[in-house]
């Protein structure tokens, strides 16, 4: 146990985090109507931080509760946008009459979509967000917790698991697998930059 970085509680769960600085540059592509996006991810260090379960739980609860105002904003926006969508033989009165049933149903669906994102998310990823904020890291940096439980319940972590749960977009995900599984200390990764280039629509 170590002191929690947020509240100072001695019950902090210590975890190793890989700190990654990311840079995205957009340029011209050889394909017409496309642009080339280059993502660079540089490993800056591997550092232990501690966050207590109570702070991680509060961060998760806060994120879950945020789905309510998001839903309250998203549903009216969707309704307004639907007014401007072209429909043949449109009957506005009939649409308005269906709102008392349709609007609550849409709200529930949007809210459940939000819950499906935040509820299954492991507490260690919320702890990483707490560390990022409390350590005063820049917006271009993110942390990857070296805890296999964050990424999979199966035996063995895959690069796709890391890319799905964290902002990692490059080959770095593959290099992080041995660290997450405890097979290496990852010191050789510090200072390395991984690059991914892709064509995206303008």
N, C-alpha and C. Protein backbone atom coordinates (compact mmCIF):
# COMPACT_ATOMS: atom_id res chain seq x y z
N UNK A 1 0.83 -1.20 0.00
CA UNK A 1 0.00 0.00 0.00
C UNK A 1 0.87 1.26 0.00
N UNK A 2 0.43 2.28 -0.72
CA UNK A 2 1.13 3.56 -0.78
C UNK A 2 0.11 4.68 -0.64
N UNK A 3 0.60 5.90 -0.45
CA UNK A 3 -0.29 7.06 -0.29
C UNK A 3 -0.97 7.38 -1.62
N UNK A 4 -2.28 7.56 -1.58
CA UNK A 4 -3.05 7.89 -2.78
C UNK A 4 -2.62 9.27 -3.29
N UNK A 5 -2.39 9.38 -4.60
CA UNK A 5 -1.94 10.63 -5.19
C UNK A 5 -2.97 11.74 -5.08
N UNK A 6 -4.25 11.39 -4.92
CA UNK A 6 -5.30 12.40 -4.84
C UNK A 6 -5.63 12.79 -3.39
N UNK A 7 -5.95 11.82 -2.56
CA UNK A 7 -6.43 12.15 -1.22
C UNK A 7 -5.41 11.90 -0.12
N UNK A 8 -4.29 11.23 -0.46
CA UNK A 8 -3.26 10.96 0.54
C UNK A 8 -3.53 9.77 1.42
N UNK A 9 -4.62 9.05 1.15
CA UNK A 9 -4.95 7.87 1.94
C UNK A 9 -3.83 6.82 1.84
N UNK A 10 -3.50 6.15 2.97
CA UNK A 10 -2.45 5.13 2.93
C UNK A 10 -2.89 3.84 2.24
N UNK A 11 -4.16 3.79 1.83
CA UNK A 11 -4.70 2.57 1.21
C UNK A 11 -4.56 2.55 -0.31
N UNK A 12 -3.69 3.40 -0.85
CA UNK A 12 -3.55 3.47 -2.31
C UNK A 12 -3.02 2.19 -2.93
N UNK A 13 -3.62 1.78 -4.04
CA UNK A 13 -3.14 0.62 -4.80
C UNK A 13 -2.11 1.10 -5.81
N UNK A 14 -0.87 0.66 -5.65
CA UNK A 14 0.20 1.12 -6.54
C UNK A 14 0.21 0.32 -7.83
N UNK A 15 0.43 1.03 -8.92
CA UNK A 15 0.47 0.39 -10.24
C UNK A 15 1.52 1.10 -11.08
N UNK A 16 2.17 0.37 -11.95
CA UNK A 16 3.12 0.97 -12.88
C UNK A 16 2.36 1.53 -14.08
N UNK A 17 2.74 2.73 -14.50
CA UNK A 17 2.10 3.37 -15.66
C UNK A 17 3.16 3.74 -16.69
N UNK A 18 2.85 3.47 -17.94
CA UNK A 18 3.70 3.92 -19.04
C UNK A 18 3.18 5.28 -19.49
N UNK A 19 4.05 6.29 -19.45
CA UNK A 19 3.64 7.63 -19.89
C UNK A 19 4.03 7.82 -21.34
N UNK A 20 3.05 8.15 -22.15
CA UNK A 20 3.24 8.29 -23.59
C UNK A 20 2.88 9.70 -24.03
N UNK A 21 3.78 10.33 -24.80
CA UNK A 21 3.50 11.64 -25.40
C UNK A 21 3.08 11.39 -26.85
N UNK A 22 1.99 11.98 -27.24
CA UNK A 22 1.49 11.75 -28.60
C UNK A 22 1.46 13.04 -29.41
N UNK A 23 1.68 12.91 -30.70
CA UNK A 23 1.65 14.05 -31.62
C UNK A 23 0.98 13.61 -32.92
N UNK A 24 0.03 14.38 -33.38
CA UNK A 24 -0.67 14.07 -34.62
C UNK A 24 -0.46 15.20 -35.62
N UNK A 25 0.02 14.83 -36.81
CA UNK A 25 0.27 15.82 -37.87
C UNK A 25 -0.54 15.43 -39.09
N UNK A 26 -1.20 16.39 -39.70
CA UNK A 26 -1.99 16.14 -40.89
C UNK A 26 -1.34 16.82 -42.09
N UNK A 27 -1.19 16.07 -43.17
CA UNK A 27 -0.59 16.60 -44.39
C UNK A 27 -1.37 16.17 -45.62
N UNK A 28 -0.79 16.43 -46.78
CA UNK A 28 -1.45 16.08 -48.03
C UNK A 28 -1.21 14.62 -48.38
N UNK A 29 -2.19 14.04 -49.04
CA UNK A 29 -2.10 12.64 -49.46
C UNK A 29 -2.06 12.55 -50.98
N UNK A 30 -1.51 11.46 -51.46
CA UNK A 30 -1.47 11.23 -52.90
C UNK A 30 -2.87 10.92 -53.44
N UNK A 31 -3.75 10.45 -52.56
CA UNK A 31 -5.12 10.14 -52.97
C UNK A 31 -5.94 11.43 -53.02
N UNK A 32 -6.67 11.60 -54.08
CA UNK A 32 -7.50 12.79 -54.21
C UNK A 32 -8.68 12.72 -53.24
N UNK A 33 -8.94 13.82 -52.54
CA UNK A 33 -10.04 13.87 -51.58
C UNK A 33 -9.69 13.28 -50.23
N UNK A 34 -8.42 12.91 -50.07
CA UNK A 34 -7.97 12.34 -48.80
C UNK A 34 -6.84 13.20 -48.24
N UNK A 35 -6.55 13.03 -46.96
CA UNK A 35 -5.37 13.66 -46.36
C UNK A 35 -4.61 12.61 -45.56
N UNK A 36 -3.32 12.83 -45.38
CA UNK A 36 -2.49 11.87 -44.66
C UNK A 36 -2.34 12.31 -43.20
N UNK A 37 -2.66 11.40 -42.29
CA UNK A 37 -2.52 11.69 -40.87
C UNK A 37 -1.38 10.84 -40.31
N UNK A 38 -0.45 11.51 -39.64
CA UNK A 38 0.70 10.83 -39.04
C UNK A 38 0.61 10.95 -37.52
N UNK A 39 0.62 9.80 -36.86
CA UNK A 39 0.55 9.75 -35.39
C UNK A 39 1.90 9.28 -34.86
N UNK A 40 2.47 10.07 -33.96
CA UNK A 40 3.74 9.69 -33.32
C UNK A 40 3.50 9.51 -31.83
N UNK A 41 3.91 8.36 -31.30
CA UNK A 41 3.76 8.08 -29.86
C UNK A 41 5.14 7.78 -29.28
N UNK A 42 5.56 8.58 -28.31
CA UNK A 42 6.88 8.44 -27.71
C UNK A 42 6.74 8.04 -26.24
N UNK A 43 7.44 6.98 -25.86
CA UNK A 43 7.43 6.52 -24.47
C UNK A 43 8.38 7.40 -23.67
N UNK A 44 7.83 8.10 -22.68
CA UNK A 44 8.62 9.03 -21.88
C UNK A 44 9.09 8.44 -20.55
N UNK A 45 8.42 7.43 -20.09
CA UNK A 45 8.84 6.85 -18.82
C UNK A 45 7.87 5.80 -18.31
N UNK A 46 8.34 5.05 -17.31
CA UNK A 46 7.50 4.05 -16.63
C UNK A 46 7.61 4.33 -15.14
N UNK A 47 6.50 4.76 -14.55
CA UNK A 47 6.52 5.25 -13.17
C UNK A 47 5.40 4.64 -12.34
N UNK A 48 5.70 4.31 -11.08
CA UNK A 48 4.62 3.82 -10.20
C UNK A 48 3.84 4.98 -9.57
N UNK A 49 2.53 4.84 -9.54
CA UNK A 49 1.66 5.80 -8.85
C UNK A 49 0.62 4.99 -8.08
N UNK A 50 0.10 5.60 -7.04
CA UNK A 50 -0.92 4.92 -6.23
C UNK A 50 -2.21 5.73 -6.20
N UNK A 51 -3.32 5.03 -6.37
CA UNK A 51 -4.66 5.62 -6.25
C UNK A 51 -5.48 4.69 -5.38
N UNK A 52 -6.15 5.24 -4.39
CA UNK A 52 -6.94 4.38 -3.50
C UNK A 52 -8.23 3.94 -4.19
N UNK A 53 -8.78 2.78 -3.80
CA UNK A 53 -10.02 2.29 -4.42
C UNK A 53 -11.17 3.28 -4.31
N UNK A 54 -11.23 4.05 -3.21
CA UNK A 54 -12.33 5.00 -3.02
C UNK A 54 -12.29 6.10 -4.07
N UNK A 55 -11.10 6.64 -4.37
CA UNK A 55 -10.98 7.71 -5.38
C UNK A 55 -11.30 7.16 -6.77
N UNK A 56 -10.82 5.95 -7.06
CA UNK A 56 -11.10 5.34 -8.37
C UNK A 56 -12.60 5.08 -8.52
N UNK A 57 -13.24 4.64 -7.43
CA UNK A 57 -14.68 4.37 -7.45
C UNK A 57 -15.48 5.66 -7.67
N UNK A 58 -15.05 6.75 -7.01
CA UNK A 58 -15.73 8.04 -7.18
C UNK A 58 -15.60 8.53 -8.62
N UNK A 59 -14.41 8.35 -9.22
CA UNK A 59 -14.20 8.79 -10.60
C UNK A 59 -15.10 8.00 -11.55
N UNK A 60 -15.26 6.71 -11.29
CA UNK A 60 -16.13 5.88 -12.12
C UNK A 60 -17.58 6.30 -11.96
N UNK A 61 -18.01 6.53 -10.71
CA UNK A 61 -19.38 6.95 -10.45
C UNK A 61 -19.67 8.30 -11.11
N UNK A 62 -18.70 9.22 -11.06
CA UNK A 62 -18.87 10.53 -11.69
C UNK A 62 -19.06 10.39 -13.18
N UNK A 63 -18.27 9.50 -13.80
CA UNK A 63 -18.37 9.28 -15.24
C UNK A 63 -19.72 8.67 -15.61
N UNK A 64 -20.18 7.73 -14.79
CA UNK A 64 -21.49 7.09 -15.04
C UNK A 64 -22.61 8.11 -14.92
N UNK A 65 -22.55 8.96 -13.89
CA UNK A 65 -23.59 9.98 -13.69
C UNK A 65 -23.59 11.02 -14.81
N UNK A 66 -22.43 11.24 -15.43
CA UNK A 66 -22.35 12.21 -16.53
C UNK A 66 -23.15 11.77 -17.75
N UNK A 67 -23.50 10.47 -17.80
CA UNK A 67 -24.30 9.99 -18.93
C UNK A 67 -25.71 10.59 -18.90
N UNK A 68 -26.17 11.04 -17.72
CA UNK A 68 -27.52 11.61 -17.61
C UNK A 68 -27.60 12.98 -18.30
N UNK A 69 -26.72 13.97 -17.96
CA UNK A 69 -26.80 15.24 -18.70
C UNK A 69 -26.47 15.09 -20.18
N UNK A 70 -25.57 14.16 -20.51
CA UNK A 70 -25.25 13.93 -21.92
C UNK A 70 -26.51 13.48 -22.66
N UNK A 71 -27.27 12.58 -22.04
CA UNK A 71 -28.52 12.10 -22.63
C UNK A 71 -29.53 13.23 -22.79
N UNK A 72 -29.63 14.07 -21.74
CA UNK A 72 -30.58 15.18 -21.77
C UNK A 72 -30.24 16.21 -22.85
N UNK A 73 -28.98 16.29 -23.22
CA UNK A 73 -28.56 17.20 -24.30
C UNK A 73 -28.71 16.53 -25.66
N UNK A 74 -28.29 15.25 -25.74
CA UNK A 74 -28.27 14.55 -27.02
C UNK A 74 -29.66 14.32 -27.60
N UNK A 75 -30.62 13.97 -26.76
CA UNK A 75 -31.97 13.65 -27.25
C UNK A 75 -32.64 14.85 -27.92
N UNK A 76 -32.67 16.04 -27.30
CA UNK A 76 -33.26 17.19 -28.00
C UNK A 76 -32.55 17.53 -29.30
N UNK A 77 -31.22 17.39 -29.30
CA UNK A 77 -30.46 17.66 -30.54
C UNK A 77 -30.89 16.69 -31.64
N UNK A 78 -31.04 15.41 -31.29
CA UNK A 78 -31.47 14.42 -32.27
C UNK A 78 -32.87 14.74 -32.80
N UNK A 79 -33.75 15.20 -31.90
CA UNK A 79 -35.12 15.53 -32.31
C UNK A 79 -35.12 16.71 -33.28
N UNK A 80 -34.35 17.75 -32.94
CA UNK A 80 -34.27 18.93 -33.81
C UNK A 80 -33.70 18.56 -35.17
N UNK A 81 -32.65 17.74 -35.18
CA UNK A 81 -32.05 17.32 -36.46
C UNK A 81 -33.04 16.52 -37.29
N UNK A 82 -33.89 15.74 -36.62
CA UNK A 82 -34.87 14.93 -37.37
C UNK A 82 -35.90 15.81 -38.07
N UNK A 83 -36.14 17.02 -37.54
CA UNK A 83 -37.09 17.93 -38.19
C UNK A 83 -36.61 18.36 -39.57
N UNK A 84 -35.27 18.40 -39.73
CA UNK A 84 -34.69 18.89 -40.99
C UNK A 84 -34.32 17.76 -41.96
N UNK A 85 -34.55 16.52 -41.55
CA UNK A 85 -34.22 15.40 -42.46
C UNK A 85 -35.35 15.23 -43.48
N UNK A 86 -35.00 15.11 -44.76
CA UNK A 86 -36.04 14.98 -45.80
C UNK A 86 -36.73 13.62 -45.74
N UNK A 87 -38.06 13.64 -45.73
CA UNK A 87 -38.83 12.40 -45.72
C UNK A 87 -40.01 12.56 -46.68
N UNK A 88 -40.26 11.57 -47.54
CA UNK A 88 -41.41 11.66 -48.45
C UNK A 88 -42.73 11.50 -47.69
N UNK A 89 -43.75 12.22 -48.13
CA UNK A 89 -45.09 12.13 -47.52
C UNK A 89 -45.06 12.33 -46.00
N UNK A 90 -44.34 13.33 -45.59
CA UNK A 90 -44.14 13.57 -44.16
C UNK A 90 -45.40 14.16 -43.52
N UNK A 91 -45.75 13.62 -42.34
CA UNK A 91 -46.89 14.11 -41.58
C UNK A 91 -46.38 14.60 -40.22
N UNK A 92 -46.17 15.93 -40.11
CA UNK A 92 -45.60 16.52 -38.90
C UNK A 92 -46.48 16.26 -37.68
N UNK A 93 -47.82 16.38 -37.86
CA UNK A 93 -48.73 16.17 -36.73
C UNK A 93 -48.63 14.76 -36.17
N UNK A 94 -48.51 13.81 -37.08
CA UNK A 94 -48.40 12.41 -36.65
C UNK A 94 -47.10 12.19 -35.89
N UNK A 95 -46.02 12.82 -36.39
CA UNK A 95 -44.73 12.70 -35.71
C UNK A 95 -44.80 13.30 -34.31
N UNK A 96 -45.40 14.48 -34.21
CA UNK A 96 -45.51 15.15 -32.91
C UNK A 96 -46.35 14.32 -31.93
N UNK A 97 -47.37 13.67 -32.44
CA UNK A 97 -48.24 12.85 -31.59
C UNK A 97 -47.49 11.64 -31.03
N UNK A 98 -46.45 11.18 -31.74
CA UNK A 98 -45.70 10.00 -31.30
C UNK A 98 -44.61 10.36 -30.28
N UNK A 99 -44.33 11.65 -30.07
CA UNK A 99 -43.25 12.07 -29.18
C UNK A 99 -43.38 11.56 -27.74
N UNK A 100 -44.59 11.57 -27.13
CA UNK A 100 -44.67 11.10 -25.74
C UNK A 100 -44.17 9.67 -25.54
N UNK A 101 -44.23 8.85 -26.58
CA UNK A 101 -43.72 7.48 -26.48
C UNK A 101 -42.30 7.39 -27.01
N UNK A 102 -42.05 8.06 -28.15
CA UNK A 102 -40.75 7.94 -28.83
C UNK A 102 -39.62 8.60 -28.06
N UNK A 103 -39.85 9.79 -27.52
CA UNK A 103 -38.78 10.54 -26.85
C UNK A 103 -38.22 9.79 -25.63
N UNK A 104 -39.07 9.30 -24.70
CA UNK A 104 -38.51 8.53 -23.57
C UNK A 104 -37.77 7.27 -24.04
N UNK A 105 -38.27 6.63 -25.10
CA UNK A 105 -37.63 5.43 -25.61
C UNK A 105 -36.24 5.76 -26.16
N UNK A 106 -36.14 6.85 -26.92
CA UNK A 106 -34.85 7.28 -27.47
C UNK A 106 -33.89 7.63 -26.33
N UNK A 107 -34.42 8.33 -25.31
CA UNK A 107 -33.59 8.73 -24.16
C UNK A 107 -33.01 7.51 -23.45
N UNK A 108 -33.84 6.48 -23.26
CA UNK A 108 -33.37 5.26 -22.59
C UNK A 108 -32.29 4.57 -23.42
N UNK A 109 -32.47 4.52 -24.74
CA UNK A 109 -31.49 3.86 -25.62
C UNK A 109 -30.16 4.61 -25.57
N UNK A 110 -30.22 5.96 -25.67
CA UNK A 110 -28.99 6.77 -25.61
C UNK A 110 -28.29 6.59 -24.27
N UNK A 111 -29.09 6.59 -23.18
CA UNK A 111 -28.52 6.44 -21.83
C UNK A 111 -27.86 5.08 -21.66
N UNK A 112 -28.50 4.03 -22.16
CA UNK A 112 -27.92 2.68 -22.07
C UNK A 112 -26.63 2.57 -22.87
N UNK A 113 -26.59 3.26 -24.00
CA UNK A 113 -25.34 3.29 -24.81
C UNK A 113 -24.21 3.92 -24.01
N UNK A 114 -24.54 5.00 -23.30
CA UNK A 114 -23.52 5.65 -22.46
C UNK A 114 -23.07 4.75 -21.33
N UNK A 115 -24.02 4.08 -20.68
CA UNK A 115 -23.68 3.16 -19.59
C UNK A 115 -22.82 2.01 -20.08
N UNK A 116 -23.08 1.55 -21.30
CA UNK A 116 -22.31 0.42 -21.84
C UNK A 116 -20.85 0.78 -22.07
N UNK A 117 -20.58 2.08 -22.17
CA UNK A 117 -19.19 2.54 -22.34
C UNK A 117 -18.49 2.66 -20.99
N UNK A 118 -19.16 3.27 -20.00
CA UNK A 118 -18.51 3.60 -18.75
C UNK A 118 -18.58 2.52 -17.67
N UNK A 119 -19.68 1.77 -17.61
CA UNK A 119 -19.81 0.77 -16.54
C UNK A 119 -18.80 -0.37 -16.63
N UNK A 120 -18.57 -0.96 -17.83
CA UNK A 120 -17.63 -2.08 -17.88
C UNK A 120 -16.15 -1.66 -17.77
N UNK A 121 -15.90 -0.35 -17.85
CA UNK A 121 -14.52 0.15 -17.86
C UNK A 121 -13.86 -0.13 -16.50
N UNK A 122 -12.68 -0.77 -16.49
CA UNK A 122 -12.01 -1.11 -15.22
C UNK A 122 -11.62 0.14 -14.42
N UNK A 123 -11.60 -0.01 -13.10
CA UNK A 123 -11.25 1.11 -12.23
C UNK A 123 -9.83 1.61 -12.47
N UNK A 124 -8.94 0.71 -12.87
CA UNK A 124 -7.55 1.10 -13.09
C UNK A 124 -7.43 2.16 -14.19
N UNK A 125 -8.34 2.14 -15.15
CA UNK A 125 -8.31 3.16 -16.21
C UNK A 125 -8.80 4.49 -15.69
N UNK A 126 -9.74 4.47 -14.74
CA UNK A 126 -10.15 5.70 -14.08
C UNK A 126 -9.01 6.22 -13.20
N UNK A 127 -8.29 5.28 -12.56
CA UNK A 127 -7.13 5.65 -11.74
C UNK A 127 -6.08 6.34 -12.60
N UNK A 128 -5.90 5.86 -13.85
CA UNK A 128 -4.93 6.47 -14.77
C UNK A 128 -5.32 7.91 -15.07
N UNK A 129 -6.61 8.18 -15.20
CA UNK A 129 -7.08 9.55 -15.45
C UNK A 129 -6.81 10.44 -14.24
N UNK A 130 -6.98 9.88 -13.03
CA UNK A 130 -6.70 10.63 -11.81
C UNK A 130 -5.21 10.99 -11.74
N UNK A 131 -4.36 10.02 -12.03
CA UNK A 131 -2.91 10.26 -12.01
C UNK A 131 -2.53 11.31 -13.03
N UNK A 132 -3.10 11.21 -14.23
CA UNK A 132 -2.82 12.18 -15.30
C UNK A 132 -3.12 13.60 -14.82
N UNK A 133 -4.25 13.77 -14.16
CA UNK A 133 -4.66 15.10 -13.70
C UNK A 133 -3.81 15.57 -12.52
N UNK A 134 -3.65 14.71 -11.51
CA UNK A 134 -2.94 15.10 -10.30
C UNK A 134 -1.45 15.31 -10.53
N UNK A 135 -0.88 14.61 -11.51
CA UNK A 135 0.54 14.77 -11.82
C UNK A 135 0.79 15.95 -12.76
N UNK A 136 -0.28 16.61 -13.20
CA UNK A 136 -0.15 17.80 -14.04
C UNK A 136 0.41 17.51 -15.42
N UNK A 137 0.04 16.38 -15.99
CA UNK A 137 0.55 16.02 -17.32
C UNK A 137 -0.18 16.80 -18.41
N UNK A 138 0.48 16.98 -19.53
CA UNK A 138 -0.10 17.75 -20.63
C UNK A 138 -1.22 16.98 -21.32
N UNK A 139 -2.01 17.70 -22.09
CA UNK A 139 -3.11 17.07 -22.82
C UNK A 139 -2.63 16.14 -23.92
N UNK A 140 -1.37 16.26 -24.30
CA UNK A 140 -0.81 15.39 -25.34
C UNK A 140 -0.26 14.08 -24.76
N UNK A 141 -0.30 13.96 -23.45
CA UNK A 141 0.21 12.75 -22.79
C UNK A 141 -0.94 11.88 -22.32
N UNK A 142 -0.70 10.57 -22.27
CA UNK A 142 -1.66 9.65 -21.66
C UNK A 142 -0.90 8.54 -20.97
N UNK A 143 -1.59 7.84 -20.09
CA UNK A 143 -0.98 6.77 -19.30
C UNK A 143 -1.60 5.42 -19.63
N UNK A 144 -0.75 4.41 -19.67
CA UNK A 144 -1.22 3.03 -19.86
C UNK A 144 -0.86 2.24 -18.61
N UNK A 145 -1.87 1.79 -17.83
CA UNK A 145 -1.57 1.00 -16.63
C UNK A 145 -1.07 -0.38 -17.01
N UNK A 146 0.00 -0.82 -16.35
CA UNK A 146 0.54 -2.14 -16.64
C UNK A 146 -0.12 -3.17 -15.75
N UNK A 147 -1.39 -3.35 -15.98
CA UNK A 147 -2.21 -4.28 -15.20
C UNK A 147 -3.05 -5.09 -16.19
N UNK A 148 -2.76 -6.37 -16.31
CA UNK A 148 -3.43 -7.22 -17.30
C UNK A 148 -4.94 -7.27 -17.09
N UNK A 149 -5.39 -7.09 -15.85
CA UNK A 149 -6.83 -7.15 -15.56
C UNK A 149 -7.61 -6.02 -16.23
N UNK A 150 -6.89 -4.95 -16.59
CA UNK A 150 -7.54 -3.82 -17.27
C UNK A 150 -7.98 -4.17 -18.68
N UNK A 151 -7.28 -5.10 -19.29
CA UNK A 151 -7.43 -5.31 -20.73
C UNK A 151 -8.17 -6.57 -21.13
N UNK A 152 -8.14 -7.59 -20.29
CA UNK A 152 -8.80 -8.82 -20.69
C UNK A 152 -9.07 -9.71 -19.49
N UNK A 153 -10.09 -10.54 -19.62
CA UNK A 153 -10.37 -11.56 -18.61
C UNK A 153 -9.87 -12.91 -19.07
N UNK A 154 -9.43 -12.93 -20.32
CA UNK A 154 -8.92 -14.18 -20.87
C UNK A 154 -7.46 -14.36 -20.46
N UNK A 155 -6.91 -15.48 -20.83
CA UNK A 155 -5.49 -15.72 -20.57
C UNK A 155 -4.71 -15.10 -21.72
N UNK A 156 -3.90 -14.12 -21.41
CA UNK A 156 -3.08 -13.48 -22.44
C UNK A 156 -3.69 -12.19 -22.94
N UNK A 157 -2.87 -11.13 -22.99
CA UNK A 157 -3.29 -9.82 -23.48
C UNK A 157 -2.86 -9.68 -24.93
N UNK A 158 -3.72 -9.11 -25.74
CA UNK A 158 -3.40 -8.89 -27.16
C UNK A 158 -3.28 -7.39 -27.43
N UNK A 159 -2.50 -7.01 -28.46
CA UNK A 159 -2.37 -5.59 -28.81
C UNK A 159 -3.73 -4.91 -29.02
N UNK A 160 -4.68 -5.65 -29.61
CA UNK A 160 -6.01 -5.08 -29.86
C UNK A 160 -6.70 -4.71 -28.56
N UNK A 161 -6.45 -5.47 -27.48
CA UNK A 161 -7.04 -5.17 -26.17
C UNK A 161 -6.54 -3.82 -25.67
N UNK A 162 -5.25 -3.58 -25.83
CA UNK A 162 -4.64 -2.32 -25.37
C UNK A 162 -5.14 -1.15 -26.21
N UNK A 163 -5.24 -1.35 -27.51
CA UNK A 163 -5.69 -0.28 -28.40
C UNK A 163 -7.16 0.05 -28.17
N UNK A 164 -7.94 -0.94 -27.77
CA UNK A 164 -9.37 -0.73 -27.53
C UNK A 164 -9.61 0.05 -26.24
N UNK A 165 -8.80 -0.24 -25.21
CA UNK A 165 -9.04 0.34 -23.89
C UNK A 165 -8.26 1.65 -23.64
N UNK A 166 -7.22 1.93 -24.44
CA UNK A 166 -6.40 3.13 -24.23
C UNK A 166 -6.27 3.90 -25.54
N UNK A 167 -5.68 5.11 -25.50
CA UNK A 167 -5.53 5.89 -26.74
C UNK A 167 -4.41 5.42 -27.67
N UNK A 168 -3.71 4.34 -27.34
CA UNK A 168 -2.61 3.85 -28.18
C UNK A 168 -3.11 3.54 -29.59
N UNK A 169 -2.40 4.06 -30.61
CA UNK A 169 -2.82 3.85 -31.99
C UNK A 169 -1.73 3.21 -32.86
N UNK A 170 -0.53 3.10 -32.35
CA UNK A 170 0.60 2.63 -33.16
C UNK A 170 1.05 1.22 -32.76
N UNK A 171 2.20 0.84 -33.30
CA UNK A 171 2.81 -0.46 -33.00
C UNK A 171 3.21 -0.57 -31.53
N UNK A 172 3.17 0.54 -30.82
CA UNK A 172 3.49 0.54 -29.39
C UNK A 172 2.63 -0.47 -28.64
N UNK A 173 1.38 -0.64 -29.08
CA UNK A 173 0.48 -1.59 -28.40
C UNK A 173 1.09 -2.99 -28.35
N UNK A 174 1.71 -3.39 -29.45
CA UNK A 174 2.34 -4.72 -29.51
C UNK A 174 3.53 -4.81 -28.55
N UNK A 175 4.28 -3.71 -28.45
CA UNK A 175 5.46 -3.69 -27.58
C UNK A 175 5.07 -3.66 -26.10
N UNK A 176 3.86 -3.19 -25.81
CA UNK A 176 3.43 -3.10 -24.41
C UNK A 176 2.93 -4.42 -23.85
N UNK A 177 2.59 -5.35 -24.72
CA UNK A 177 2.04 -6.63 -24.25
C UNK A 177 2.97 -7.34 -23.26
N UNK A 178 4.30 -7.49 -23.57
CA UNK A 178 5.18 -8.15 -22.59
C UNK A 178 5.26 -7.41 -21.26
N UNK A 179 5.13 -6.06 -21.29
CA UNK A 179 5.17 -5.29 -20.04
C UNK A 179 3.94 -5.57 -19.20
N UNK A 180 2.77 -5.56 -19.87
CA UNK A 180 1.50 -5.79 -19.16
C UNK A 180 1.50 -7.19 -18.54
N UNK A 181 2.08 -8.14 -19.25
CA UNK A 181 2.09 -9.52 -18.75
C UNK A 181 3.26 -9.78 -17.81
N UNK A 182 4.09 -8.76 -17.55
CA UNK A 182 5.17 -8.89 -16.57
C UNK A 182 6.38 -9.65 -17.06
N UNK A 183 6.54 -9.76 -18.37
CA UNK A 183 7.66 -10.53 -18.92
C UNK A 183 8.93 -9.69 -19.07
N UNK A 184 8.81 -8.36 -19.02
CA UNK A 184 9.96 -7.47 -19.17
C UNK A 184 9.69 -6.18 -18.40
N UNK A 185 10.77 -5.43 -18.10
CA UNK A 185 10.57 -4.18 -17.36
C UNK A 185 10.34 -2.99 -18.29
N UNK A 186 10.58 -3.17 -19.59
CA UNK A 186 10.27 -2.15 -20.57
C UNK A 186 11.21 -0.97 -20.64
N UNK A 187 12.35 -1.04 -19.96
CA UNK A 187 13.28 0.09 -19.97
C UNK A 187 13.79 0.41 -21.38
N UNK A 188 13.88 -0.61 -22.21
CA UNK A 188 14.37 -0.39 -23.58
C UNK A 188 13.39 0.43 -24.42
N UNK A 189 12.13 0.53 -23.96
CA UNK A 189 11.13 1.29 -24.72
C UNK A 189 11.21 2.79 -24.47
N UNK A 190 11.80 3.17 -23.32
CA UNK A 190 11.84 4.59 -22.96
C UNK A 190 12.64 5.38 -23.99
N UNK A 191 12.01 6.41 -24.53
CA UNK A 191 12.66 7.24 -25.55
C UNK A 191 12.33 6.83 -26.98
N UNK A 192 11.74 5.65 -27.13
CA UNK A 192 11.40 5.19 -28.48
C UNK A 192 10.13 5.87 -28.98
N UNK A 193 10.10 6.14 -30.29
CA UNK A 193 8.93 6.74 -30.94
C UNK A 193 8.35 5.78 -31.94
N UNK A 194 7.05 5.61 -31.90
CA UNK A 194 6.35 4.72 -32.84
C UNK A 194 5.44 5.57 -33.72
N UNK A 195 5.46 5.26 -35.02
CA UNK A 195 4.77 6.10 -35.99
C UNK A 195 3.73 5.29 -36.76
N UNK A 196 2.58 5.91 -36.97
CA UNK A 196 1.54 5.30 -37.80
C UNK A 196 1.04 6.35 -38.79
N UNK A 197 1.04 5.99 -40.08
CA UNK A 197 0.53 6.87 -41.11
C UNK A 197 -0.71 6.24 -41.73
N UNK A 198 -1.72 7.06 -41.95
CA UNK A 198 -2.95 6.56 -42.56
C UNK A 198 -3.61 7.66 -43.37
N UNK A 199 -4.32 7.24 -44.41
CA UNK A 199 -5.08 8.17 -45.22
C UNK A 199 -6.49 8.28 -44.66
N UNK A 200 -6.96 9.50 -44.48
CA UNK A 200 -8.30 9.72 -43.94
C UNK A 200 -9.04 10.67 -44.86
N UNK A 201 -10.36 10.57 -44.85
CA UNK A 201 -11.19 11.46 -45.66
C UNK A 201 -11.07 12.91 -45.20
N UNK A 202 -11.09 13.82 -46.14
CA UNK A 202 -11.03 15.24 -45.78
C UNK A 202 -12.29 15.67 -45.03
